[in-house]
Amino acid sequence: MRIALVTSKDYPDLTPDDRTLLQPLADRGFKAEPALWTDPNYPWQDCTAIVIRSCWDYHLHSETFLHWIASLESKGCNLWNSPATIRWNLDKSYLRSLESKGIPVVPTFWHEPGETPKLTDILAGKNWARAIVKPRISATAHRTKLIDAKNANAAQPLFEELIAGPGAMVQPFVESIVRDGEWSLMFFGGQFSHAVLKTAKPGDFRVQDEFGGRFHAVDPPPFVLECATRTVRAVPPTLYARVDGVIDQKQFRIMELELIEPALYLTCDPRAANRFADAIVNASKTRVSFHISIAPVL
């Protein structure tokens, strides 16, 4: 029984974190192997399940990526997360859907079609001293910029480029990210597994490894876990999910619900890879294509 762990050309042998899945899946009778999503010759139809992992270049080729997803769907492949979930989660405007269900998200200015607002006007109108400008289709802080009232005009060309391309969004800079860090909570088969706290290197705001960020395993406070669990339950069933958020004025606010290719920090918990492997085994028995709805939060 073959399991494809989908990766990108920069990680042809999987990331070290994802490689921790190979033995637990073998112990359960499955042959797991890396598969490049851009490989036209890979036999996707022969897989018991296809699990997206480190496709960390998808945002650079989003139309091609969506075409690949559609081709797997048309072949009846058992893809996780589901094609409908992936399409919904590709554009960060999904945060608007979560907010409509009562999930607390970081306040966001959404650029609407036909408009070209000025960043200085946005910050002034929202009374934001500093803000983050980023694409609506992005990964690993790609083209993400921290601005304030003094340099907002300098970032206007980037903002307009994003408007003309993948779309743009602006969020207030939450100061507690630098002070206290950003939370990531991992869920497998809808059940909480483990959590990490990510911190940026001195002088930076980005918590990703690529920019010198660090992370360590933590036990989330009950109110953080409750909010993250409610967020995962606000969407149809998933094989894996990562909820990223920040504590702001004693409230946990969602920054991202990662359902496509999040790093899952499996090495931070000795049982995490086994939990994920169990969830994959269960998913391998289910061929479904969930449809994202806007039903009330469960």
C-alpha atoms as a PDB file:
ATOM      1  CA  MET A   1       0.000   0.000   0.000  1.00  0.00           C
ATOM      2  CA  ARG A   2       1.704   3.139  -1.254  1.00  0.00           C
ATOM      3  CA  ILE A   3       1.479   6.515   0.465  1.00  0.00           C
ATOM      4  CA  ALA A   4       2.794   9.518  -1.473  1.00  0.00           C
ATOM      5  CA  LEU A   5       4.191  12.242   0.768  1.00  0.00           C
ATOM      6  CA  VAL A   6       4.096  15.168  -1.625  1.00  0.00           C
ATOM      7  CA  THR A   7       7.037  17.529  -1.650  1.00  0.00           C
ATOM      8  CA  SER A   8       8.759  20.099  -3.879  1.00  0.00           C
ATOM      9  CA  LYS A   9      11.980  20.048  -5.871  1.00  0.00           C
ATOM     10  CA  ASP A  10      13.861  21.820  -3.076  1.00  0.00           C
ATOM     11  CA  TYR A  11      13.113  18.891  -0.739  1.00  0.00           C
ATOM     12  CA  PRO A  12      13.179  15.824  -3.019  1.00  0.00           C
ATOM     13  CA  ASP A  13      13.840  13.463  -0.095  1.00  0.00           C
ATOM     14  CA  LEU A  14      11.366  15.220   2.226  1.00  0.00           C
ATOM     15  CA  THR A  15      12.261  17.528   5.068  1.00  0.00           C
ATOM     16  CA  PRO A  16      13.933  15.958   8.113  1.00  0.00           C
ATOM     17  CA  ASP A  17      10.688  16.520  10.012  1.00  0.00           C
ATOM     18  CA  ASP A  18       8.566  14.691   7.427  1.00  0.00           C
ATOM     19  CA  ARG A  19      11.021  11.803   7.224  1.00  0.00           C
ATOM     20  CA  THR A  20      10.035  10.879  10.770  1.00  0.00           C
ATOM     21  CA  LEU A  21       6.777   9.578   9.245  1.00  0.00           C
ATOM     22  CA  LEU A  22       8.426   6.864   7.164  1.00  0.00           C
ATOM     23  CA  GLN A  23       9.059   4.297   9.896  1.00  0.00           C
ATOM     24  CA  PRO A  24       5.721   4.698  11.706  1.00  0.00           C
ATOM     25  CA  LEU A  25       3.904   4.189   8.401  1.00  0.00           C
ATOM     26  CA  ALA A  26       6.099   1.182   7.577  1.00  0.00           C
ATOM     27  CA  ASP A  27       5.256  -0.269  10.990  1.00  0.00           C
ATOM     28  CA  ARG A  28       1.587  -0.001   9.979  1.00  0.00           C
ATOM     29  CA  GLY A  29       2.117  -1.812   6.693  1.00  0.00           C
ATOM     30  CA  PHE A  30       2.394   1.188   4.368  1.00  0.00           C
ATOM     31  CA  LYS A  31       5.204   2.087   1.983  1.00  0.00           C
ATOM     32  CA  ALA A  32       5.560   5.854   2.235  1.00  0.00           C
ATOM     33  CA  GLU A  33       7.739   7.715  -0.252  1.00  0.00           C
ATOM     34  CA  PRO A  34       8.456  11.280  -1.362  1.00  0.00           C
ATOM     35  CA  ALA A  35       6.745  12.441  -4.547  1.00  0.00           C
ATOM     36  CA  LEU A  36       7.345  15.736  -6.355  1.00  0.00           C
ATOM     37  CA  TRP A  37       4.075  17.471  -7.148  1.00  0.00           C
ATOM     38  CA  THR A  38       5.689  18.700 -10.388  1.00  0.00           C
ATOM     39  CA  ASP A  39       6.681  15.194 -11.546  1.00  0.00           C
ATOM     40  CA  PRO A  40       4.489  14.409 -14.588  1.00  0.00           C
ATOM     41  CA  ASN A  41       5.448  10.738 -14.507  1.00  0.00           C
ATOM     42  CA  TYR A  42       4.642   9.860 -10.919  1.00  0.00           C
ATOM     43  CA  PRO A  43       1.868   7.207 -10.699  1.00  0.00           C
ATOM     44  CA  TRP A  44      -0.558   9.100  -8.464  1.00  0.00           C
ATOM     45  CA  GLN A  45      -3.394   6.711  -9.303  1.00  0.00           C
ATOM     46  CA  ASP A  46      -1.488   3.830  -7.712  1.00  0.00           C
ATOM     47  CA  CYS A  47      -1.399   5.473  -4.280  1.00  0.00           C
ATOM     48  CA  THR A  48      -3.635   4.414  -1.436  1.00  0.00           C
ATOM     49  CA  ALA A  49      -3.420   7.997  -0.215  1.00  0.00           C
ATOM     50  CA  ILE A  50      -1.658  11.188  -1.276  1.00  0.00           C
ATOM     51  CA  VAL A  51      -0.640  13.485   1.576  1.00  0.00           C
ATOM     52  CA  ILE A  52       0.595  16.983   0.783  1.00  0.00           C
ATOM     53  CA  ARG A  53       3.609  17.901   2.865  1.00  0.00           C
ATOM     54  CA  SER A  54       6.340  20.365   1.855  1.00  0.00           C
ATOM     55  CA  CYS A  55       5.069  21.875  -1.428  1.00  0.00           C
ATOM     56  CA  TRP A  56       6.585  25.146  -0.305  1.00  0.00           C
ATOM     57  CA  ASP A  57       6.798  26.574  -3.820  1.00  0.00           C
ATOM     58  CA  TYR A  58       3.083  26.251  -4.648  1.00  0.00           C
ATOM     59  CA  HIS A  59       2.415  29.961  -4.081  1.00  0.00           C
ATOM     60  CA  LEU A  60       4.885  30.813  -6.866  1.00  0.00           C
ATOM     61  CA  HIS A  61       2.941  28.640  -9.318  1.00  0.00           C
ATOM     62  CA  SER A  62      -0.579  28.729  -7.888  1.00  0.00           C
ATOM     63  CA  GLU A  63      -2.410  28.183 -11.193  1.00  0.00           C
ATOM     64  CA  THR A  64      -0.235  25.177 -12.054  1.00  0.00           C
ATOM     65  CA  PHE A  65      -0.696  23.841  -8.536  1.00  0.00           C
ATOM     66  CA  LEU A  66      -4.471  24.134  -8.759  1.00  0.00           C
ATOM     67  CA  HIS A  67      -4.410  22.400 -12.153  1.00  0.00           C
ATOM     68  CA  TRP A  68      -2.451  19.527 -10.568  1.00  0.00           C
ATOM     69  CA  ILE A  69      -4.981  19.314  -7.734  1.00  0.00           C
ATOM     70  CA  ALA A  70      -7.822  19.206 -10.279  1.00  0.00           C
ATOM     71  CA  SER A  71      -6.083  16.452 -12.249  1.00  0.00           C
ATOM     72  CA  LEU A  72      -5.811  14.280  -9.125  1.00  0.00           C
ATOM     73  CA  GLU A  73      -9.439  14.970  -8.325  1.00  0.00           C
ATOM     74  CA  SER A  74     -10.527  13.964 -11.828  1.00  0.00           C
ATOM     75  CA  LYS A  75      -8.640  10.671 -11.458  1.00  0.00           C
ATOM     76  CA  GLY A  76     -10.401   9.917  -8.177  1.00  0.00           C
ATOM     77  CA  CYS A  77      -7.175  10.018  -6.175  1.00  0.00           C
ATOM     78  CA  ASN A  78      -7.407   9.974  -2.394  1.00  0.00           C
ATOM     79  CA  LEU A  79      -5.835  13.375  -1.739  1.00  0.00           C
ATOM     80  CA  TRP A  80      -5.436  14.945   1.676  1.00  0.00           C
ATOM     81  CA  ASN A  81      -6.352  17.448   2.584  1.00  0.00           C
ATOM     82  CA  SER A  82      -9.264  17.298   0.162  1.00  0.00           C
ATOM     83  CA  PRO A  83      -9.225  19.265  -3.122  1.00  0.00           C
ATOM     84  CA  ALA A  84     -12.108  21.473  -1.959  1.00  0.00           C
ATOM     85  CA  THR A  85     -10.286  22.266   1.276  1.00  0.00           C
ATOM     86  CA  ILE A  86      -7.080  23.100  -0.576  1.00  0.00           C
ATOM     87  CA  ARG A  87      -8.840  25.446  -2.987  1.00  0.00           C
ATOM     88  CA  TRP A  88     -10.594  27.195  -0.105  1.00  0.00           C
ATOM     89  CA  ASN A  89      -7.402  27.534   1.920  1.00  0.00           C
ATOM     90  CA  LEU A  90      -5.212  28.754  -0.950  1.00  0.00           C
ATOM     91  CA  ASP A  91      -6.335  32.394  -0.671  1.00  0.00           C
ATOM     92  CA  LYS A  92      -6.067  33.942   2.771  1.00  0.00           C
ATOM     93  CA  SER A  93      -9.492  35.466   2.339  1.00  0.00           C
ATOM     94  CA  TYR A  94     -10.663  32.244   4.022  1.00  0.00           C
ATOM     95  CA  LEU A  95     -10.039  34.238   7.216  1.00  0.00           C
ATOM     96  CA  ARG A  96     -13.149  36.252   6.382  1.00  0.00           C
ATOM     97  CA  SER A  97     -15.164  33.039   6.357  1.00  0.00           C
ATOM     98  CA  LEU A  98     -13.761  32.005   9.724  1.00  0.00           C
ATOM     99  CA  GLU A  99     -14.510  35.428  11.168  1.00  0.00           C
ATOM    100  CA  SER A 100     -18.102  35.173   9.946  1.00  0.00           C
ATOM    101  CA  LYS A 101     -18.377  32.005  12.044  1.00  0.00           C
ATOM    102  CA  GLY A 102     -17.306  33.779  15.201  1.00  0.00           C
ATOM    103  CA  ILE A 103     -13.625  32.828  15.126  1.00  0.00           C
ATOM    104  CA  PRO A 104     -11.441  35.687  16.460  1.00  0.00           C
ATOM    105  CA  VAL A 105      -8.929  36.606  13.761  1.00  0.00           C
ATOM    106  CA  VAL A 106      -6.347  39.363  13.561  1.00  0.00           C
ATOM    107  CA  PRO A 107      -8.106  42.470  12.151  1.00  0.00           C
ATOM    108  CA  THR A 108      -7.524  42.730   8.411  1.00  0.00           C
ATOM    109  CA  PHE A 109      -7.982  45.296   5.661  1.00  0.00           C
ATOM    110  CA  TRP A 110      -8.989  43.456   2.490  1.00  0.00           C
ATOM    111  CA  HIS A 111      -8.334  45.048  -0.866  1.00  0.00           C
ATOM    112  CA  GLU A 112     -11.445  44.865  -2.998  1.00  0.00           C
ATOM    113  CA  PRO A 113     -11.422  44.582  -6.828  1.00  0.00           C
ATOM    114  CA  GLY A 114     -11.375  47.908  -8.614  1.00  0.00           C
ATOM    115  CA  GLU A 115      -9.835  49.804  -5.715  1.00  0.00           C
ATOM    116  CA  THR A 116      -6.275  51.073  -5.256  1.00  0.00           C
ATOM    117  CA  PRO A 117      -6.199  52.586  -1.772  1.00  0.00           C
ATOM    118  CA  LYS A 118      -3.206  54.326  -0.252  1.00  0.00           C
ATOM    119  CA  LEU A 119      -1.423  52.590   2.585  1.00  0.00           C
ATOM    120  CA  THR A 120      -1.132  55.897   4.427  1.00  0.00           C
ATOM    121  CA  ASP A 121      -4.910  56.261   4.308  1.00  0.00           C
ATOM    122  CA  ILE A 122      -5.427  52.677   5.507  1.00  0.00           C
ATOM    123  CA  LEU A 123      -3.164  53.102   8.533  1.00  0.00           C
ATOM    124  CA  ALA A 124      -4.668  56.478   9.374  1.00  0.00           C
ATOM    125  CA  GLY A 125      -8.226  55.235   8.972  1.00  0.00           C
ATOM    126  CA  LYS A 126      -7.611  52.161  11.124  1.00  0.00           C
ATOM    127  CA  ASN A 127      -5.446  54.037  13.631  1.00  0.00           C
ATOM    128  CA  TRP A 128      -2.678  51.479  13.161  1.00  0.00           C
ATOM    129  CA  ALA A 129       0.802  52.693  14.105  1.00  0.00           C
ATOM    130  CA  ARG A 130       2.444  49.775  12.285  1.00  0.00           C
ATOM    131  CA  ALA A 131       1.082  47.179   9.904  1.00  0.00           C
ATOM    132  CA  ILE A 132       1.969  44.110   7.857  1.00  0.00           C
ATOM    133  CA  VAL A 133       1.432  44.077   4.091  1.00  0.00           C
ATOM    134  CA  LYS A 134       1.312  40.634   2.491  1.00  0.00           C
ATOM    135  CA  PRO A 135      -0.070  38.718  -0.496  1.00  0.00           C
ATOM    136  CA  ARG A 136      -3.310  36.800  -0.198  1.00  0.00           C
ATOM    137  CA  ILE A 137      -1.580  33.778  -1.742  1.00  0.00           C
ATOM    138  CA  SER A 138       1.734  33.265   0.004  1.00  0.00           C
ATOM    139  CA  ALA A 139       3.942  31.026   2.125  1.00  0.00           C
ATOM    140  CA  THR A 140       6.985  31.458   4.363  1.00  0.00           C
ATOM    141  CA  ALA A 141       6.493  35.241   4.717  1.00  0.00           C
ATOM    142  CA  HIS A 142       6.987  35.672   0.950  1.00  0.00           C
ATOM    143  CA  ARG A 143       6.790  39.374   0.000  1.00  0.00           C
ATOM    144  CA  THR A 144       5.626  40.247   3.504  1.00  0.00           C
ATOM    145  CA  LYS A 145       6.619  43.716   4.701  1.00  0.00           C
ATOM    146  CA  LEU A 146       6.411  45.573   7.993  1.00  0.00           C
ATOM    147  CA  ILE A 147       5.462  49.232   7.535  1.00  0.00           C
ATOM    148  CA  ASP A 148       4.668  52.250   9.673  1.00  0.00           C
ATOM    149  CA  ALA A 149       3.312  55.723   9.019  1.00  0.00           C
ATOM    150  CA  LYS A 150       6.794  57.013   8.192  1.00  0.00           C
ATOM    151  CA  ASN A 151       7.568  54.523   5.405  1.00  0.00           C
ATOM    152  CA  ALA A 152       4.097  53.561   4.193  1.00  0.00           C
ATOM    153  CA  ASN A 153       4.518  55.548   0.958  1.00  0.00           C
ATOM    154  CA  ALA A 154       7.689  53.605   0.152  1.00  0.00           C
ATOM    155  CA  ALA A 155       5.739  50.346   0.356  1.00  0.00           C
ATOM    156  CA  GLN A 156       2.945  51.585  -1.927  1.00  0.00           C
ATOM    157  CA  PRO A 157       4.550  50.122  -5.112  1.00  0.00           C
ATOM    158  CA  LEU A 158       4.725  46.680  -3.475  1.00  0.00           C
ATOM    159  CA  PHE A 159       1.115  47.006  -2.347  1.00  0.00           C
ATOM    160  CA  GLU A 160      -0.010  47.872  -5.872  1.00  0.00           C
ATOM    161  CA  GLU A 161       2.006  44.983  -7.342  1.00  0.00           C
ATOM    162  CA  LEU A 162       0.239  42.611  -4.973  1.00  0.00           C
ATOM    163  CA  ILE A 163      -3.125  44.113  -5.869  1.00  0.00           C
ATOM    164  CA  ALA A 164      -2.390  43.461  -9.539  1.00  0.00           C
ATOM    165  CA  GLY A 165      -1.201  39.926  -8.794  1.00  0.00           C
ATOM    166  CA  PRO A 166      -2.318  37.539  -6.057  1.00  0.00           C
ATOM    167  CA  GLY A 167      -4.238  40.187  -4.123  1.00  0.00           C
ATOM    168  CA  ALA A 168      -3.230  42.139  -1.037  1.00  0.00           C
ATOM    169  CA  MET A 169      -4.127  42.321   2.617  1.00  0.00           C
ATOM    170  CA  VAL A 170      -3.028  44.582   5.452  1.00  0.00           C
ATOM    171  CA  GLN A 171      -3.035  43.706   9.141  1.00  0.00           C
ATOM    172  CA  PRO A 172      -1.996  45.669  12.221  1.00  0.00           C
ATOM    173  CA  PHE A 173       1.373  44.615  13.576  1.00  0.00           C
ATOM    174  CA  VAL A 174       0.666  42.738  16.793  1.00  0.00           C
ATOM    175  CA  GLU A 175       3.504  43.773  19.096  1.00  0.00           C
ATOM    176  CA  SER A 176       3.167  40.667  21.261  1.00  0.00           C
ATOM    177  CA  ILE A 177       4.572  38.565  18.415  1.00  0.00           C
ATOM    178  CA  VAL A 178       8.004  40.057  19.034  1.00  0.00           C
ATOM    179  CA  ARG A 179       7.601  40.047  22.794  1.00  0.00           C
ATOM    180  CA  ASP A 180       5.875  36.712  23.407  1.00  0.00           C
ATOM    181  CA  GLY A 181       6.005  34.791  20.121  1.00  0.00           C
ATOM    182  CA  GLU A 182       3.506  33.097  17.807  1.00  0.00           C
ATOM    183  CA  TRP A 183       1.663  29.890  18.674  1.00  0.00           C
ATOM    184  CA  SER A 184       1.246  26.914  16.350  1.00  0.00           C
ATOM    185  CA  LEU A 185      -1.103  24.102  17.350  1.00  0.00           C
ATOM    186  CA  MET A 186      -1.131  20.847  15.353  1.00  0.00           C
ATOM    187  CA  PHE A 187      -4.218  18.674  14.815  1.00  0.00           C
ATOM    188  CA  PHE A 188      -4.398  15.207  13.229  1.00  0.00           C
ATOM    189  CA  GLY A 189      -7.783  13.831  12.228  1.00  0.00           C
ATOM    190  CA  GLY A 190      -9.347  16.788  14.003  1.00  0.00           C
ATOM    191  CA  GLN A 191      -7.696  15.942  17.326  1.00  0.00           C
ATOM    192  CA  PHE A 192      -5.115  18.138  19.041  1.00  0.00           C
ATOM    193  CA  SER A 193      -1.623  16.613  18.966  1.00  0.00           C
ATOM    194  CA  HIS A 194       0.985  19.116  20.152  1.00  0.00           C
ATOM    195  CA  ALA A 195       2.004  22.760  20.043  1.00  0.00           C
ATOM    196  CA  VAL A 196       5.061  24.949  19.606  1.00  0.00           C
ATOM    197  CA  LEU A 197       5.842  28.570  20.354  1.00  0.00           C
ATOM    198  CA  LYS A 198       7.808  30.357  17.626  1.00  0.00           C
ATOM    199  CA  THR A 199       9.951  33.424  18.248  1.00  0.00           C
ATOM    200  CA  ALA A 200      11.783  35.791  15.890  1.00  0.00           C
ATOM    201  CA  LYS A 201      15.470  36.562  16.086  1.00  0.00           C
ATOM    202  CA  PRO A 202      16.372  39.915  17.653  1.00  0.00           C
ATOM    203  CA  GLY A 203      15.528  42.808  15.342  1.00  0.00           C
ATOM    204  CA  ASP A 204      13.134  40.795  13.147  1.00  0.00           C
ATOM    205  CA  PHE A 205       9.411  40.057  13.256  1.00  0.00           C
ATOM    206  CA  ARG A 206       9.357  36.884  11.144  1.00  0.00           C
ATOM    207  CA  VAL A 207       9.284  33.669  13.162  1.00  0.00           C
ATOM    208  CA  GLN A 208      10.064  31.248  10.318  1.00  0.00           C
ATOM    209  CA  ASP A 209      13.254  29.161  10.439  1.00  0.00           C
ATOM    210  CA  GLU A 210      14.393  30.684   7.164  1.00  0.00           C
ATOM    211  CA  PHE A 211      14.710  34.071   8.847  1.00  0.00           C
ATOM    212  CA  GLY A 212      16.431  32.906  12.009  1.00  0.00           C
ATOM    213  CA  GLY A 213      13.304  32.171  14.007  1.00  0.00           C
ATOM    214  CA  ARG A 214      13.285  29.543  16.729  1.00  0.00           C
ATOM    215  CA  PHE A 215      10.647  27.259  18.164  1.00  0.00           C
ATOM    216  CA  HIS A 216      10.144  24.999  21.156  1.00  0.00           C
ATOM    217  CA  ALA A 217       7.444  22.641  22.379  1.00  0.00           C
ATOM    218  CA  VAL A 218       4.852  24.125  24.743  1.00  0.00           C
ATOM    219  CA  ASP A 219       1.589  23.231  26.426  1.00  0.00           C
ATOM    220  CA  PRO A 220      -0.993  25.792  25.277  1.00  0.00           C
ATOM    221  CA  PRO A 221      -3.170  27.519  27.871  1.00  0.00           C
ATOM    222  CA  PRO A 222      -6.751  26.193  27.946  1.00  0.00           C
ATOM    223  CA  PHE A 223      -8.191  29.299  26.252  1.00  0.00           C
ATOM    224  CA  VAL A 224      -5.675  28.998  23.393  1.00  0.00           C
ATOM    225  CA  LEU A 225      -6.446  25.307  22.886  1.00  0.00           C
ATOM    226  CA  GLU A 226     -10.195  25.958  23.030  1.00  0.00           C
ATOM    227  CA  CYS A 227     -10.024  28.638  20.339  1.00  0.00           C
ATOM    228  CA  ALA A 228      -7.757  26.549  18.093  1.00  0.00           C
ATOM    229  CA  THR A 229     -10.031  23.515  18.458  1.00  0.00           C
ATOM    230  CA  ARG A 230     -13.086  25.608  17.610  1.00  0.00           C
ATOM    231  CA  THR A 231     -11.269  26.893  14.523  1.00  0.00           C
ATOM    232  CA  VAL A 232     -10.496  23.382  13.236  1.00  0.00           C
ATOM    233  CA  ARG A 233     -14.086  22.322  13.866  1.00  0.00           C
ATOM    234  CA  ALA A 234     -15.351  25.297  11.866  1.00  0.00           C
ATOM    235  CA  VAL A 235     -14.335  23.563   8.627  1.00  0.00           C
ATOM    236  CA  PRO A 236     -15.093  20.093   7.231  1.00  0.00           C
ATOM    237  CA  PRO A 237     -12.915  17.179   8.443  1.00  0.00           C
ATOM    238  CA  THR A 238      -9.179  17.424   7.807  1.00  0.00           C
ATOM    239  CA  LEU A 239      -6.314  14.960   8.001  1.00  0.00           C
ATOM    240  CA  TYR A 240      -3.927  17.613   9.309  1.00  0.00           C
ATOM    241  CA  ALA A 241      -4.269  21.219  10.372  1.00  0.00           C
ATOM    242  CA  ARG A 242      -2.061  23.830  11.940  1.00  0.00           C
ATOM    243  CA  VAL A 243      -3.578  26.779  13.741  1.00  0.00           C
ATOM    244  CA  ASP A 244      -1.285  29.809  14.026  1.00  0.00           C
ATOM    245  CA  GLY A 245      -2.174  32.644  16.322  1.00  0.00           C
ATOM    246  CA  VAL A 246      -1.093  35.237  18.820  1.00  0.00           C
ATOM    247  CA  ILE A 247      -2.265  36.275  22.256  1.00  0.00           C
ATOM    248  CA  ASP A 248      -3.369  39.887  21.995  1.00  0.00           C
ATOM    249  CA  GLN A 249      -4.835  41.656  25.022  1.00  0.00           C
ATOM    250  CA  LYS A 250      -5.516  38.308  26.725  1.00  0.00           C
ATOM    251  CA  GLN A 251      -7.359  36.927  23.688  1.00  0.00           C
ATOM    252  CA  PHE A 252      -6.081  34.333  21.238  1.00  0.00           C
ATOM    253  CA  ARG A 253      -6.458  35.605  17.684  1.00  0.00           C
ATOM    254  CA  ILE A 254      -6.034  33.449  14.608  1.00  0.00           C
ATOM    255  CA  MET A 255      -3.420  34.490  12.081  1.00  0.00           C
ATOM    256  CA  GLU A 256      -3.577  31.418   9.842  1.00  0.00           C
ATOM    257  CA  LEU A 257      -5.399  28.102   9.557  1.00  0.00           C
ATOM    258  CA  GLU A 258      -2.840  26.114   7.570  1.00  0.00           C
ATOM    259  CA  LEU A 259      -4.461  23.254   5.649  1.00  0.00           C
ATOM    260  CA  ILE A 260      -2.208  22.833   2.601  1.00  0.00           C
ATOM    261  CA  GLU A 261       1.479  22.326   3.403  1.00  0.00           C
ATOM    262  CA  PRO A 262       2.286  23.432   6.956  1.00  0.00           C
ATOM    263  CA  ALA A 263       5.395  22.307   8.791  1.00  0.00           C
ATOM    264  CA  LEU A 264       4.023  20.124  11.594  1.00  0.00           C
ATOM    265  CA  TYR A 265       6.992  20.107  14.013  1.00  0.00           C
ATOM    266  CA  LEU A 266       6.802  16.336  14.397  1.00  0.00           C
ATOM    267  CA  THR A 267      10.211  16.177  16.085  1.00  0.00           C
ATOM    268  CA  CYS A 268       8.954  18.327  18.970  1.00  0.00           C
ATOM    269  CA  ASP A 269       6.830  15.525  20.426  1.00  0.00           C
ATOM    270  CA  PRO A 270       7.998  11.892  20.614  1.00  0.00           C
ATOM    271  CA  ARG A 271       4.512  10.592  19.768  1.00  0.00           C
ATOM    272  CA  ALA A 272       3.558  13.130  17.092  1.00  0.00           C
ATOM    273  CA  ALA A 273       4.737  11.096  14.092  1.00  0.00           C
ATOM    274  CA  ASN A 274       2.811   8.068  15.371  1.00  0.00           C
ATOM    275  CA  ARG A 275      -0.338  10.125  15.841  1.00  0.00           C
ATOM    276  CA  PHE A 276      -0.024  11.484  12.313  1.00  0.00           C
ATOM    277  CA  ALA A 277       0.657   8.019  10.933  1.00  0.00           C
ATOM    278  CA  ASP A 278      -2.498   6.705  12.615  1.00  0.00           C
ATOM    279  CA  ALA A 279      -4.508   9.540  11.077  1.00  0.00           C
ATOM    280  CA  ILE A 280      -3.029   8.801   7.637  1.00  0.00           C
ATOM    281  CA  VAL A 281      -3.964   5.121   7.960  1.00  0.00           C
ATOM    282  CA  ASN A 282      -7.543   6.138   8.749  1.00  0.00           C
ATOM    283  CA  ALA A 283      -7.591   8.575   5.828  1.00  0.00           C
ATOM    284  CA  SER A 284      -6.292   5.875   3.477  1.00  0.00           C
ATOM    285  CA  LYS A 285      -9.557   4.029   4.068  1.00  0.00           C
ATOM    286  CA  THR A 286     -11.693   7.017   3.137  1.00  0.00           C
ATOM    287  CA  ARG A 287     -12.201   8.412  -0.340  1.00  0.00           C
ATOM    288  CA  VAL A 288     -14.067  11.661   0.070  1.00  0.00           C
ATOM    289  CA  SER A 289     -14.139  15.151  -1.376  1.00  0.00           C
ATOM    290  CA  PHE A 290     -15.421  17.469   1.296  1.00  0.00           C
ATOM    291  CA  HIS A 291     -17.087  20.697   0.304  1.00  0.00           C
ATOM    292  CA  ILE A 292     -16.307  23.826   2.303  1.00  0.00           C
ATOM    293  CA  SER A 293     -19.541  25.341   3.582  1.00  0.00           C
ATOM    294  CA  ILE A 294     -20.359  28.424   5.590  1.00  0.00           C
ATOM    295  CA  ALA A 295     -22.369  26.554   8.200  1.00  0.00           C
ATOM    296  CA  PRO A 296     -22.269  27.850  11.787  1.00  0.00           C
ATOM    297  CA  VAL A 297     -19.395  26.824  13.991  1.00  0.00           C
ATOM    298  CA  LEU A 298     -19.983  23.402  15.546  1.00  0.00           C
END
